[in-house]
N, C-alpha and C. Protein backbone atom coordinates (compact mmCIF):
# COMPACT_ATOMS: atom_id res chain seq x y z
N MET A 1 -60.53 -75.57 -37.31
CA MET A 1 -60.97 -74.21 -37.49
C MET A 1 -60.87 -73.44 -36.19
N GLY A 2 -61.00 -74.13 -35.14
CA GLY A 2 -60.88 -73.49 -33.84
C GLY A 2 -59.49 -72.95 -33.62
N LYS A 3 -58.51 -73.68 -34.15
CA LYS A 3 -57.13 -73.25 -33.99
C LYS A 3 -56.85 -72.03 -34.84
N GLU A 4 -57.43 -71.94 -36.02
CA GLU A 4 -57.19 -70.81 -36.91
C GLU A 4 -57.72 -69.52 -36.31
N LYS A 5 -58.87 -69.60 -35.65
CA LYS A 5 -59.42 -68.39 -35.02
C LYS A 5 -58.49 -67.90 -33.93
N ARG A 6 -57.89 -68.81 -33.20
CA ARG A 6 -56.97 -68.40 -32.14
C ARG A 6 -55.70 -67.80 -32.73
N MET A 7 -55.19 -68.36 -33.80
CA MET A 7 -53.95 -67.89 -34.39
C MET A 7 -54.10 -66.47 -34.95
N VAL A 8 -55.23 -66.19 -35.53
CA VAL A 8 -55.43 -64.87 -36.11
C VAL A 8 -55.36 -63.80 -35.03
N PRO A 9 -56.08 -63.94 -33.90
CA PRO A 9 -55.96 -62.92 -32.87
C PRO A 9 -54.55 -62.85 -32.29
N VAL A 10 -53.89 -63.97 -32.13
CA VAL A 10 -52.53 -63.96 -31.60
C VAL A 10 -51.61 -63.25 -32.57
N MET A 11 -51.76 -63.55 -33.86
CA MET A 11 -50.93 -62.90 -34.87
C MET A 11 -51.25 -61.42 -34.95
N LEU A 12 -52.53 -61.07 -34.83
CA LEU A 12 -52.91 -59.67 -34.84
C LEU A 12 -52.34 -58.95 -33.63
N SER A 13 -52.41 -59.58 -32.48
CA SER A 13 -51.89 -58.93 -31.28
C SER A 13 -50.38 -58.79 -31.36
N ARG A 14 -49.68 -59.78 -31.95
CA ARG A 14 -48.23 -59.65 -32.13
C ARG A 14 -47.93 -58.52 -33.10
N GLY A 15 -48.70 -58.39 -34.12
CA GLY A 15 -48.52 -57.31 -35.10
C GLY A 15 -48.74 -55.95 -34.47
N ILE A 16 -49.77 -55.88 -33.64
CA ILE A 16 -50.07 -54.62 -32.95
C ILE A 16 -48.94 -54.29 -31.98
N ILE A 17 -48.48 -55.30 -31.26
CA ILE A 17 -47.37 -55.09 -30.31
C ILE A 17 -46.14 -54.60 -31.06
N THR A 18 -45.86 -55.19 -32.20
CA THR A 18 -44.70 -54.78 -32.99
C THR A 18 -44.84 -53.33 -33.45
N VAL A 19 -46.01 -52.97 -33.92
CA VAL A 19 -46.26 -51.60 -34.37
C VAL A 19 -46.14 -50.63 -33.20
N VAL A 20 -46.75 -50.98 -32.08
CA VAL A 20 -46.68 -50.13 -30.88
C VAL A 20 -45.24 -49.99 -30.43
N ALA A 21 -44.52 -51.10 -30.41
CA ALA A 21 -43.11 -51.07 -29.99
C ALA A 21 -42.30 -50.17 -30.92
N ALA A 22 -42.58 -50.25 -32.20
CA ALA A 22 -41.86 -49.41 -33.17
C ALA A 22 -42.14 -47.93 -32.89
N PHE A 23 -43.41 -47.60 -32.60
CA PHE A 23 -43.75 -46.21 -32.28
C PHE A 23 -43.07 -45.76 -30.99
N VAL A 24 -43.05 -46.62 -30.00
CA VAL A 24 -42.41 -46.29 -28.72
C VAL A 24 -40.92 -46.04 -28.93
N ILE A 25 -40.28 -46.92 -29.70
CA ILE A 25 -38.85 -46.75 -29.95
C ILE A 25 -38.59 -45.46 -30.72
N GLN A 26 -39.40 -45.21 -31.76
CA GLN A 26 -39.23 -43.97 -32.52
C GLN A 26 -39.49 -42.76 -31.64
N GLY A 27 -40.50 -42.85 -30.80
CA GLY A 27 -40.80 -41.75 -29.87
C GLY A 27 -39.65 -41.53 -28.91
N GLY A 28 -39.08 -42.62 -28.41
CA GLY A 28 -37.94 -42.52 -27.49
C GLY A 28 -36.74 -41.88 -28.16
N VAL A 29 -36.48 -42.29 -29.40
CA VAL A 29 -35.37 -41.69 -30.15
C VAL A 29 -35.64 -40.21 -30.35
N PHE A 30 -36.87 -39.85 -30.66
CA PHE A 30 -37.23 -38.45 -30.84
C PHE A 30 -37.03 -37.67 -29.53
N LEU A 31 -37.47 -38.26 -28.42
CA LEU A 31 -37.31 -37.59 -27.13
C LEU A 31 -35.84 -37.44 -26.77
N LEU A 32 -35.05 -38.45 -27.09
CA LEU A 32 -33.62 -38.35 -26.84
C LEU A 32 -32.98 -37.27 -27.70
N ALA A 33 -33.52 -37.05 -28.87
CA ALA A 33 -32.98 -36.04 -29.78
C ALA A 33 -33.36 -34.62 -29.36
N LEU A 34 -34.43 -34.47 -28.59
CA LEU A 34 -34.88 -33.13 -28.20
C LEU A 34 -33.81 -32.32 -27.48
N PRO A 35 -33.12 -32.87 -26.46
CA PRO A 35 -32.10 -32.06 -25.81
C PRO A 35 -31.01 -31.61 -26.77
N SER A 36 -30.61 -32.47 -27.70
CA SER A 36 -29.58 -32.04 -28.64
C SER A 36 -30.10 -30.97 -29.58
N LEU A 37 -31.38 -31.06 -29.95
CA LEU A 37 -31.97 -30.00 -30.77
C LEU A 37 -32.02 -28.70 -29.99
N ALA A 38 -32.35 -28.79 -28.70
CA ALA A 38 -32.39 -27.59 -27.86
C ALA A 38 -30.99 -27.01 -27.71
N ALA A 39 -29.98 -27.88 -27.56
CA ALA A 39 -28.61 -27.39 -27.42
C ALA A 39 -28.15 -26.71 -28.70
N GLU A 40 -28.57 -27.24 -29.85
CA GLU A 40 -28.21 -26.61 -31.12
C GLU A 40 -28.89 -25.25 -31.24
N ALA A 41 -30.08 -25.14 -30.73
CA ALA A 41 -30.81 -23.88 -30.83
C ALA A 41 -30.24 -22.84 -29.88
N THR A 42 -29.65 -23.26 -28.77
CA THR A 42 -29.07 -22.35 -27.80
C THR A 42 -27.56 -22.38 -27.92
N LYS A 43 -26.98 -21.25 -28.32
CA LYS A 43 -25.52 -21.18 -28.40
C LYS A 43 -24.97 -21.00 -27.00
N ILE A 44 -23.95 -21.76 -26.70
CA ILE A 44 -23.33 -21.71 -25.38
C ILE A 44 -21.89 -21.25 -25.53
N GLY A 45 -21.47 -20.35 -24.66
CA GLY A 45 -20.09 -19.87 -24.67
C GLY A 45 -19.50 -19.94 -23.28
N VAL A 46 -18.18 -19.80 -23.21
CA VAL A 46 -17.50 -19.77 -21.92
C VAL A 46 -16.61 -18.53 -21.87
N VAL A 47 -16.36 -18.06 -20.67
CA VAL A 47 -15.48 -16.91 -20.48
C VAL A 47 -14.71 -17.10 -19.17
N ASP A 48 -13.47 -16.64 -19.16
CA ASP A 48 -12.63 -16.69 -17.96
C ASP A 48 -12.52 -15.27 -17.42
N PRO A 49 -13.33 -14.91 -16.42
CA PRO A 49 -13.33 -13.54 -15.90
C PRO A 49 -11.97 -13.10 -15.36
N GLN A 50 -11.23 -14.01 -14.75
CA GLN A 50 -9.92 -13.65 -14.22
C GLN A 50 -8.98 -13.25 -15.36
N ALA A 51 -9.04 -13.98 -16.46
CA ALA A 51 -8.21 -13.64 -17.62
C ALA A 51 -8.62 -12.28 -18.18
N VAL A 52 -9.91 -12.00 -18.19
CA VAL A 52 -10.39 -10.69 -18.67
C VAL A 52 -9.80 -9.59 -17.80
N LEU A 53 -9.84 -9.79 -16.49
CA LEU A 53 -9.31 -8.79 -15.55
C LEU A 53 -7.81 -8.61 -15.76
N GLU A 54 -7.08 -9.71 -15.95
CA GLU A 54 -5.63 -9.63 -16.08
C GLU A 54 -5.17 -9.15 -17.45
N LYS A 55 -5.93 -9.42 -18.50
CA LYS A 55 -5.52 -9.06 -19.87
C LYS A 55 -6.01 -7.68 -20.30
N SER A 56 -7.09 -7.21 -19.72
CA SER A 56 -7.66 -5.93 -20.16
C SER A 56 -6.84 -4.77 -19.61
N LYS A 57 -6.88 -3.66 -20.32
CA LYS A 57 -6.14 -2.47 -19.89
C LYS A 57 -6.68 -1.94 -18.57
N ALA A 58 -7.99 -1.83 -18.48
CA ALA A 58 -8.62 -1.31 -17.25
C ALA A 58 -8.35 -2.25 -16.08
N GLY A 59 -8.42 -3.53 -16.32
CA GLY A 59 -8.17 -4.51 -15.26
C GLY A 59 -6.73 -4.47 -14.78
N ARG A 60 -5.80 -4.36 -15.73
CA ARG A 60 -4.37 -4.28 -15.34
C ARG A 60 -4.10 -3.02 -14.54
N ARG A 61 -4.74 -1.90 -14.93
CA ARG A 61 -4.55 -0.66 -14.16
C ARG A 61 -5.02 -0.86 -12.72
N ALA A 62 -6.18 -1.47 -12.55
CA ALA A 62 -6.72 -1.70 -11.21
C ALA A 62 -5.83 -2.65 -10.42
N LEU A 63 -5.36 -3.71 -11.06
CA LEU A 63 -4.47 -4.65 -10.38
C LEU A 63 -3.14 -4.00 -10.01
N ASP A 64 -2.62 -3.14 -10.90
CA ASP A 64 -1.37 -2.42 -10.60
C ASP A 64 -1.55 -1.48 -9.42
N THR A 65 -2.68 -0.80 -9.36
CA THR A 65 -2.97 0.10 -8.23
C THR A 65 -3.01 -0.69 -6.93
N LEU A 66 -3.67 -1.83 -6.96
CA LEU A 66 -3.74 -2.69 -5.78
C LEU A 66 -2.35 -3.19 -5.39
N LYS A 67 -1.55 -3.55 -6.38
CA LYS A 67 -0.20 -4.04 -6.12
C LYS A 67 0.67 -2.94 -5.50
N GLN A 68 0.55 -1.70 -6.01
CA GLN A 68 1.31 -0.59 -5.45
C GLN A 68 0.92 -0.33 -4.01
N TYR A 69 -0.37 -0.39 -3.73
CA TYR A 69 -0.86 -0.22 -2.37
C TYR A 69 -0.24 -1.28 -1.46
N ALA A 70 -0.25 -2.53 -1.93
CA ALA A 70 0.30 -3.64 -1.13
C ALA A 70 1.80 -3.45 -0.92
N GLU A 71 2.52 -3.03 -1.95
CA GLU A 71 3.97 -2.83 -1.83
C GLU A 71 4.30 -1.73 -0.83
N THR A 72 3.54 -0.64 -0.86
CA THR A 72 3.76 0.46 0.08
C THR A 72 3.58 -0.03 1.51
N ARG A 73 2.50 -0.76 1.74
CA ARG A 73 2.24 -1.28 3.09
C ARG A 73 3.30 -2.30 3.52
N LYS A 74 3.75 -3.12 2.57
CA LYS A 74 4.78 -4.12 2.89
C LYS A 74 6.08 -3.43 3.29
N LYS A 75 6.40 -2.31 2.64
CA LYS A 75 7.62 -1.57 2.99
C LYS A 75 7.52 -1.04 4.42
N LEU A 76 6.35 -0.53 4.79
CA LEU A 76 6.17 -0.04 6.15
C LEU A 76 6.33 -1.18 7.16
N LEU A 77 5.73 -2.32 6.84
CA LEU A 77 5.86 -3.48 7.73
C LEU A 77 7.31 -3.98 7.78
N ALA A 78 8.01 -3.93 6.66
CA ALA A 78 9.41 -4.37 6.63
C ALA A 78 10.27 -3.46 7.50
N ALA A 79 9.97 -2.17 7.50
CA ALA A 79 10.71 -1.23 8.35
C ALA A 79 10.47 -1.55 9.82
N ASP A 80 9.22 -1.83 10.17
CA ASP A 80 8.90 -2.21 11.55
C ASP A 80 9.59 -3.52 11.92
N GLU A 81 9.63 -4.46 11.00
CA GLU A 81 10.27 -5.75 11.26
C GLU A 81 11.77 -5.58 11.47
N ALA A 82 12.39 -4.74 10.65
CA ALA A 82 13.83 -4.47 10.80
C ALA A 82 14.12 -3.84 12.15
N GLU A 83 13.25 -2.93 12.57
CA GLU A 83 13.41 -2.29 13.88
C GLU A 83 13.28 -3.32 15.01
N LEU A 84 12.35 -4.24 14.87
CA LEU A 84 12.19 -5.31 15.86
C LEU A 84 13.44 -6.19 15.94
N LYS A 85 13.99 -6.54 14.79
CA LYS A 85 15.19 -7.38 14.77
C LYS A 85 16.37 -6.66 15.42
N GLU A 86 16.47 -5.36 15.16
CA GLU A 86 17.54 -4.57 15.76
C GLU A 86 17.37 -4.51 17.28
N MET A 87 16.15 -4.31 17.74
CA MET A 87 15.88 -4.29 19.19
C MET A 87 16.26 -5.64 19.81
N GLU A 88 15.92 -6.71 19.13
CA GLU A 88 16.22 -8.06 19.64
C GLU A 88 17.73 -8.28 19.72
N LYS A 89 18.46 -7.82 18.70
CA LYS A 89 19.93 -7.94 18.71
C LYS A 89 20.53 -7.18 19.89
N GLN A 90 20.04 -5.96 20.11
CA GLN A 90 20.54 -5.13 21.20
C GLN A 90 20.28 -5.79 22.55
N ILE A 91 19.09 -6.35 22.70
CA ILE A 91 18.75 -7.01 23.96
C ILE A 91 19.68 -8.19 24.18
N GLN A 92 19.93 -8.98 23.15
CA GLN A 92 20.82 -10.14 23.28
C GLN A 92 22.26 -9.72 23.52
N ALA A 93 22.71 -8.66 22.83
CA ALA A 93 24.09 -8.20 22.99
C ALA A 93 24.32 -7.61 24.37
N GLN A 94 23.33 -6.94 24.92
CA GLN A 94 23.47 -6.28 26.21
C GLN A 94 22.96 -7.14 27.36
N ASP A 95 22.58 -8.36 27.07
CA ASP A 95 21.95 -9.23 28.06
C ASP A 95 22.75 -9.33 29.36
N LYS A 96 24.05 -9.52 29.28
CA LYS A 96 24.87 -9.71 30.49
C LYS A 96 25.20 -8.41 31.19
N SER A 97 25.17 -7.30 30.46
CA SER A 97 25.55 -6.03 31.07
C SER A 97 24.37 -5.27 31.67
N LEU A 98 23.15 -5.71 31.41
CA LEU A 98 21.96 -5.01 31.92
C LEU A 98 21.50 -5.59 33.25
N SER A 99 20.94 -4.71 34.06
CA SER A 99 20.34 -5.18 35.31
C SER A 99 19.01 -5.87 34.97
N GLU A 100 18.48 -6.59 35.92
CA GLU A 100 17.20 -7.29 35.71
C GLU A 100 16.09 -6.31 35.34
N GLU A 101 16.08 -5.16 36.00
CA GLU A 101 15.04 -4.16 35.72
C GLU A 101 15.18 -3.61 34.30
N GLU A 102 16.41 -3.34 33.86
CA GLU A 102 16.64 -2.84 32.50
C GLU A 102 16.25 -3.90 31.46
N LYS A 103 16.57 -5.17 31.77
CA LYS A 103 16.19 -6.27 30.86
C LYS A 103 14.67 -6.33 30.71
N ARG A 104 13.97 -6.27 31.86
CA ARG A 104 12.50 -6.32 31.82
C ARG A 104 11.95 -5.14 31.04
N ASP A 105 12.52 -3.96 31.26
CA ASP A 105 12.07 -2.76 30.57
C ASP A 105 12.25 -2.92 29.05
N LYS A 106 13.42 -3.35 28.61
CA LYS A 106 13.68 -3.54 27.18
C LYS A 106 12.81 -4.66 26.60
N GLN A 107 12.63 -5.73 27.35
CA GLN A 107 11.78 -6.83 26.87
C GLN A 107 10.32 -6.40 26.76
N ASN A 108 9.87 -5.58 27.71
CA ASN A 108 8.49 -5.06 27.64
C ASN A 108 8.32 -4.15 26.42
N LYS A 109 9.31 -3.27 26.18
CA LYS A 109 9.25 -2.41 25.00
C LYS A 109 9.24 -3.25 23.72
N PHE A 110 10.07 -4.29 23.72
CA PHE A 110 10.11 -5.19 22.56
C PHE A 110 8.76 -5.88 22.37
N ARG A 111 8.18 -6.36 23.44
CA ARG A 111 6.88 -7.06 23.38
C ARG A 111 5.79 -6.12 22.85
N VAL A 112 5.77 -4.88 23.36
CA VAL A 112 4.78 -3.90 22.90
C VAL A 112 4.98 -3.62 21.41
N LYS A 113 6.23 -3.44 21.01
CA LYS A 113 6.55 -3.17 19.60
C LYS A 113 6.15 -4.37 18.73
N LEU A 114 6.39 -5.58 19.21
CA LEU A 114 6.02 -6.80 18.48
C LEU A 114 4.50 -6.90 18.34
N GLN A 115 3.78 -6.60 19.41
CA GLN A 115 2.31 -6.63 19.35
C GLN A 115 1.78 -5.59 18.36
N ASP A 116 2.39 -4.39 18.37
CA ASP A 116 2.00 -3.36 17.40
C ASP A 116 2.25 -3.85 15.97
N TYR A 117 3.41 -4.46 15.77
CA TYR A 117 3.75 -4.99 14.44
C TYR A 117 2.73 -6.05 14.01
N GLN A 118 2.41 -6.97 14.89
CA GLN A 118 1.46 -8.03 14.56
C GLN A 118 0.07 -7.46 14.27
N ARG A 119 -0.32 -6.45 15.07
CA ARG A 119 -1.62 -5.82 14.84
C ARG A 119 -1.64 -5.11 13.49
N HIS A 120 -0.56 -4.39 13.17
CA HIS A 120 -0.47 -3.70 11.88
C HIS A 120 -0.49 -4.70 10.72
N ALA A 121 0.22 -5.81 10.89
CA ALA A 121 0.24 -6.83 9.83
C ALA A 121 -1.15 -7.42 9.63
N GLN A 122 -1.85 -7.66 10.72
CA GLN A 122 -3.21 -8.21 10.62
C GLN A 122 -4.15 -7.19 9.97
N GLU A 123 -4.05 -5.93 10.37
CA GLU A 123 -4.87 -4.88 9.77
C GLU A 123 -4.58 -4.76 8.27
N PHE A 124 -3.28 -4.84 7.93
CA PHE A 124 -2.89 -4.76 6.53
C PHE A 124 -3.52 -5.89 5.73
N ASN A 125 -3.44 -7.11 6.25
CA ASN A 125 -4.01 -8.26 5.55
C ASN A 125 -5.52 -8.11 5.39
N GLN A 126 -6.18 -7.59 6.43
CA GLN A 126 -7.63 -7.39 6.35
C GLN A 126 -7.98 -6.30 5.33
N GLU A 127 -7.22 -5.20 5.36
CA GLU A 127 -7.45 -4.11 4.39
C GLU A 127 -7.22 -4.60 2.97
N LEU A 128 -6.14 -5.36 2.77
CA LEU A 128 -5.83 -5.86 1.44
C LEU A 128 -6.91 -6.82 0.95
N ALA A 129 -7.37 -7.69 1.83
CA ALA A 129 -8.45 -8.62 1.46
C ALA A 129 -9.73 -7.86 1.11
N ALA A 130 -10.03 -6.80 1.89
CA ALA A 130 -11.23 -6.00 1.62
C ALA A 130 -11.10 -5.27 0.28
N LYS A 131 -9.91 -4.71 0.01
CA LYS A 131 -9.69 -4.02 -1.27
C LYS A 131 -9.77 -4.99 -2.44
N GLN A 132 -9.22 -6.20 -2.27
CA GLN A 132 -9.30 -7.20 -3.33
C GLN A 132 -10.76 -7.58 -3.60
N LYS A 133 -11.52 -7.79 -2.52
CA LYS A 133 -12.93 -8.16 -2.68
C LYS A 133 -13.69 -7.04 -3.37
N GLU A 134 -13.43 -5.80 -2.95
CA GLU A 134 -14.08 -4.64 -3.55
C GLU A 134 -13.75 -4.56 -5.05
N LEU A 135 -12.48 -4.77 -5.38
CA LEU A 135 -12.05 -4.74 -6.78
C LEU A 135 -12.74 -5.84 -7.58
N VAL A 136 -12.73 -7.05 -7.05
CA VAL A 136 -13.34 -8.18 -7.76
C VAL A 136 -14.84 -7.94 -7.94
N ASP A 137 -15.51 -7.50 -6.89
CA ASP A 137 -16.96 -7.25 -6.99
C ASP A 137 -17.26 -6.18 -8.05
N GLU A 138 -16.50 -5.09 -8.00
CA GLU A 138 -16.72 -3.99 -8.95
C GLU A 138 -16.46 -4.46 -10.39
N TYR A 139 -15.35 -5.15 -10.58
CA TYR A 139 -14.99 -5.55 -11.93
C TYR A 139 -15.82 -6.72 -12.44
N MET A 140 -16.30 -7.57 -11.57
CA MET A 140 -17.18 -8.66 -12.02
C MET A 140 -18.47 -8.09 -12.61
N LYS A 141 -18.98 -7.01 -12.02
CA LYS A 141 -20.17 -6.36 -12.58
C LYS A 141 -19.87 -5.85 -13.99
N LYS A 142 -18.70 -5.24 -14.14
CA LYS A 142 -18.31 -4.70 -15.44
C LYS A 142 -18.05 -5.82 -16.45
N ILE A 143 -17.43 -6.90 -15.99
CA ILE A 143 -17.16 -8.05 -16.87
C ILE A 143 -18.47 -8.70 -17.28
N MET A 144 -19.42 -8.77 -16.35
CA MET A 144 -20.73 -9.34 -16.68
C MET A 144 -21.44 -8.49 -17.74
N ALA A 145 -21.31 -7.17 -17.62
CA ALA A 145 -21.93 -6.28 -18.61
C ALA A 145 -21.29 -6.48 -19.99
N ALA A 146 -19.97 -6.59 -20.03
CA ALA A 146 -19.28 -6.82 -21.30
C ALA A 146 -19.65 -8.19 -21.86
N THR A 147 -19.76 -9.18 -20.99
CA THR A 147 -20.14 -10.53 -21.42
C THR A 147 -21.54 -10.52 -22.00
N ARG A 148 -22.44 -9.81 -21.35
CA ARG A 148 -23.82 -9.72 -21.83
C ARG A 148 -23.85 -9.10 -23.24
N THR A 149 -23.08 -8.04 -23.43
CA THR A 149 -23.03 -7.38 -24.75
C THR A 149 -22.53 -8.34 -25.82
N VAL A 150 -21.42 -9.04 -25.53
CA VAL A 150 -20.86 -9.99 -26.50
C VAL A 150 -21.85 -11.12 -26.77
N ALA A 151 -22.48 -11.63 -25.71
CA ALA A 151 -23.44 -12.74 -25.86
C ALA A 151 -24.63 -12.32 -26.72
N GLU A 152 -25.15 -11.13 -26.47
CA GLU A 152 -26.31 -10.66 -27.24
C GLU A 152 -25.94 -10.43 -28.70
N LYS A 153 -24.77 -9.85 -28.94
CA LYS A 153 -24.33 -9.63 -30.33
C LYS A 153 -24.10 -10.95 -31.05
N GLY A 154 -23.58 -11.94 -30.33
CA GLY A 154 -23.26 -13.23 -30.95
C GLY A 154 -24.38 -14.24 -30.92
N GLY A 155 -25.50 -13.89 -30.31
CA GLY A 155 -26.64 -14.80 -30.25
C GLY A 155 -26.45 -15.95 -29.28
N PHE A 156 -25.66 -15.74 -28.24
CA PHE A 156 -25.44 -16.78 -27.24
C PHE A 156 -26.55 -16.74 -26.20
N GLY A 157 -27.12 -17.91 -25.93
CA GLY A 157 -28.19 -18.01 -24.94
C GLY A 157 -27.66 -18.28 -23.55
N LEU A 158 -26.42 -18.76 -23.46
CA LEU A 158 -25.84 -19.11 -22.17
C LEU A 158 -24.33 -18.91 -22.24
N VAL A 159 -23.78 -18.21 -21.25
CA VAL A 159 -22.33 -18.06 -21.13
C VAL A 159 -21.96 -18.51 -19.72
N VAL A 160 -21.01 -19.44 -19.64
CA VAL A 160 -20.63 -20.06 -18.37
C VAL A 160 -19.23 -19.58 -17.98
N ASP A 161 -19.02 -19.38 -16.68
CA ASP A 161 -17.71 -19.03 -16.15
C ASP A 161 -16.79 -20.23 -16.34
N LYS A 162 -15.76 -20.05 -17.13
CA LYS A 162 -14.83 -21.13 -17.46
C LYS A 162 -13.97 -21.51 -16.26
N GLY A 163 -13.69 -20.55 -15.41
CA GLY A 163 -12.78 -20.81 -14.30
C GLY A 163 -11.36 -20.83 -14.80
N SER A 164 -10.42 -20.93 -13.88
CA SER A 164 -9.01 -20.98 -14.26
C SER A 164 -8.26 -21.79 -13.21
N GLU A 165 -6.96 -21.83 -13.35
CA GLU A 165 -6.15 -22.60 -12.40
C GLU A 165 -6.24 -22.01 -10.99
N ASN A 166 -6.51 -20.70 -10.88
CA ASN A 166 -6.57 -20.04 -9.58
C ASN A 166 -7.97 -19.97 -8.99
N THR A 167 -8.96 -20.39 -9.75
CA THR A 167 -10.34 -20.34 -9.27
C THR A 167 -10.97 -21.71 -9.44
N ILE A 168 -12.22 -21.80 -9.07
CA ILE A 168 -12.94 -23.06 -9.23
C ILE A 168 -13.14 -23.30 -10.72
N LYS A 169 -12.76 -24.47 -11.17
CA LYS A 169 -12.89 -24.82 -12.59
C LYS A 169 -14.25 -25.46 -12.80
N ILE A 170 -15.15 -24.73 -13.43
CA ILE A 170 -16.51 -25.20 -13.66
C ILE A 170 -16.57 -25.99 -14.96
N VAL A 171 -15.93 -25.47 -15.99
CA VAL A 171 -15.95 -26.11 -17.31
C VAL A 171 -14.74 -27.02 -17.42
N LEU A 172 -14.98 -28.28 -17.67
CA LEU A 172 -13.88 -29.23 -17.80
C LEU A 172 -13.34 -29.28 -19.22
N TYR A 173 -14.19 -29.01 -20.19
CA TYR A 173 -13.77 -29.01 -21.59
C TYR A 173 -14.68 -28.08 -22.39
N ASN A 174 -14.09 -27.40 -23.33
CA ASN A 174 -14.87 -26.64 -24.30
C ASN A 174 -14.06 -26.50 -25.58
N ARG A 175 -14.77 -26.46 -26.69
CA ARG A 175 -14.09 -26.19 -27.95
C ARG A 175 -13.62 -24.75 -27.92
N GLU A 176 -12.49 -24.51 -28.54
CA GLU A 176 -11.91 -23.17 -28.55
C GLU A 176 -12.87 -22.14 -29.14
N ALA A 177 -13.68 -22.56 -30.09
CA ALA A 177 -14.62 -21.64 -30.73
C ALA A 177 -15.67 -21.12 -29.75
N LEU A 178 -15.89 -21.82 -28.66
CA LEU A 178 -16.89 -21.40 -27.67
C LEU A 178 -16.32 -20.41 -26.65
N ASP A 179 -14.99 -20.24 -26.63
CA ASP A 179 -14.35 -19.38 -25.63
C ASP A 179 -14.48 -17.92 -26.06
N LEU A 180 -15.20 -17.16 -25.28
CA LEU A 180 -15.47 -15.75 -25.58
C LEU A 180 -14.56 -14.79 -24.82
N THR A 181 -13.55 -15.32 -24.12
CA THR A 181 -12.72 -14.50 -23.24
C THR A 181 -12.08 -13.32 -23.99
N ASP A 182 -11.49 -13.57 -25.15
CA ASP A 182 -10.84 -12.47 -25.89
C ASP A 182 -11.86 -11.42 -26.35
N GLN A 183 -13.01 -11.87 -26.81
CA GLN A 183 -14.05 -10.93 -27.24
C GLN A 183 -14.55 -10.10 -26.06
N VAL A 184 -14.73 -10.76 -24.92
CA VAL A 184 -15.20 -10.05 -23.72
C VAL A 184 -14.14 -9.07 -23.25
N THR A 185 -12.86 -9.45 -23.34
CA THR A 185 -11.77 -8.55 -22.94
C THR A 185 -11.80 -7.28 -23.79
N LYS A 186 -11.97 -7.43 -25.10
CA LYS A 186 -12.03 -6.26 -26.00
C LYS A 186 -13.24 -5.39 -25.67
N GLU A 187 -14.38 -6.02 -25.44
CA GLU A 187 -15.60 -5.28 -25.11
C GLU A 187 -15.46 -4.59 -23.75
N PHE A 188 -14.83 -5.28 -22.80
CA PHE A 188 -14.59 -4.73 -21.47
C PHE A 188 -13.73 -3.46 -21.58
N ASP A 189 -12.66 -3.54 -22.37
CA ASP A 189 -11.81 -2.36 -22.56
C ASP A 189 -12.57 -1.23 -23.26
N ARG A 190 -13.42 -1.58 -24.23
CA ARG A 190 -14.20 -0.57 -24.93
C ARG A 190 -15.14 0.15 -23.96
N GLN A 191 -15.76 -0.61 -23.05
CA GLN A 191 -16.72 -0.03 -22.11
C GLN A 191 -16.05 0.70 -20.95
N ASN A 192 -14.78 0.39 -20.66
CA ASN A 192 -14.11 0.93 -19.47
C ASN A 192 -12.80 1.64 -19.82
N LYS A 193 -12.87 2.59 -20.72
CA LYS A 193 -11.66 3.32 -21.14
C LYS A 193 -11.13 4.20 -20.07
């Protein structure tokens, strides 16, 4: 009889442990399911802001304006470069017929012209970078506003920058149905006629 009393508590404790373990496992499964339930409740979308800028009418106009500015400046620099090459040819062609003083004078003029060219090229690159940054900053605000409108209309709780080949790629994979880029492009054009 002494053994039976011991077996009952041991069996009861094993039964309790089994029940507790079952509750813990079920609770763990429930806790693991919570993030997926939260993800289902929150619609997530992706957008490629660079594609919006390049595909939208307003974005293309801005990019074309920037491109025209760059082309105009490049033509000016090309003219200066051609002048430098011509000066260099003349110096080389006249090298034997010029006195040392004339050579120094022409070389000094060439050096000054080269320094001016390099300074202008550097200024151009800085101006172009500043204009690009200004354009991106301005249009990112507009793209964000269009994205917000599309997200609110579609019930999206989170929209992530998809990135592209030319930018940092944040999203490694997304279903096509989650890509809001075309919708944002249309909304962007509607807001920025």
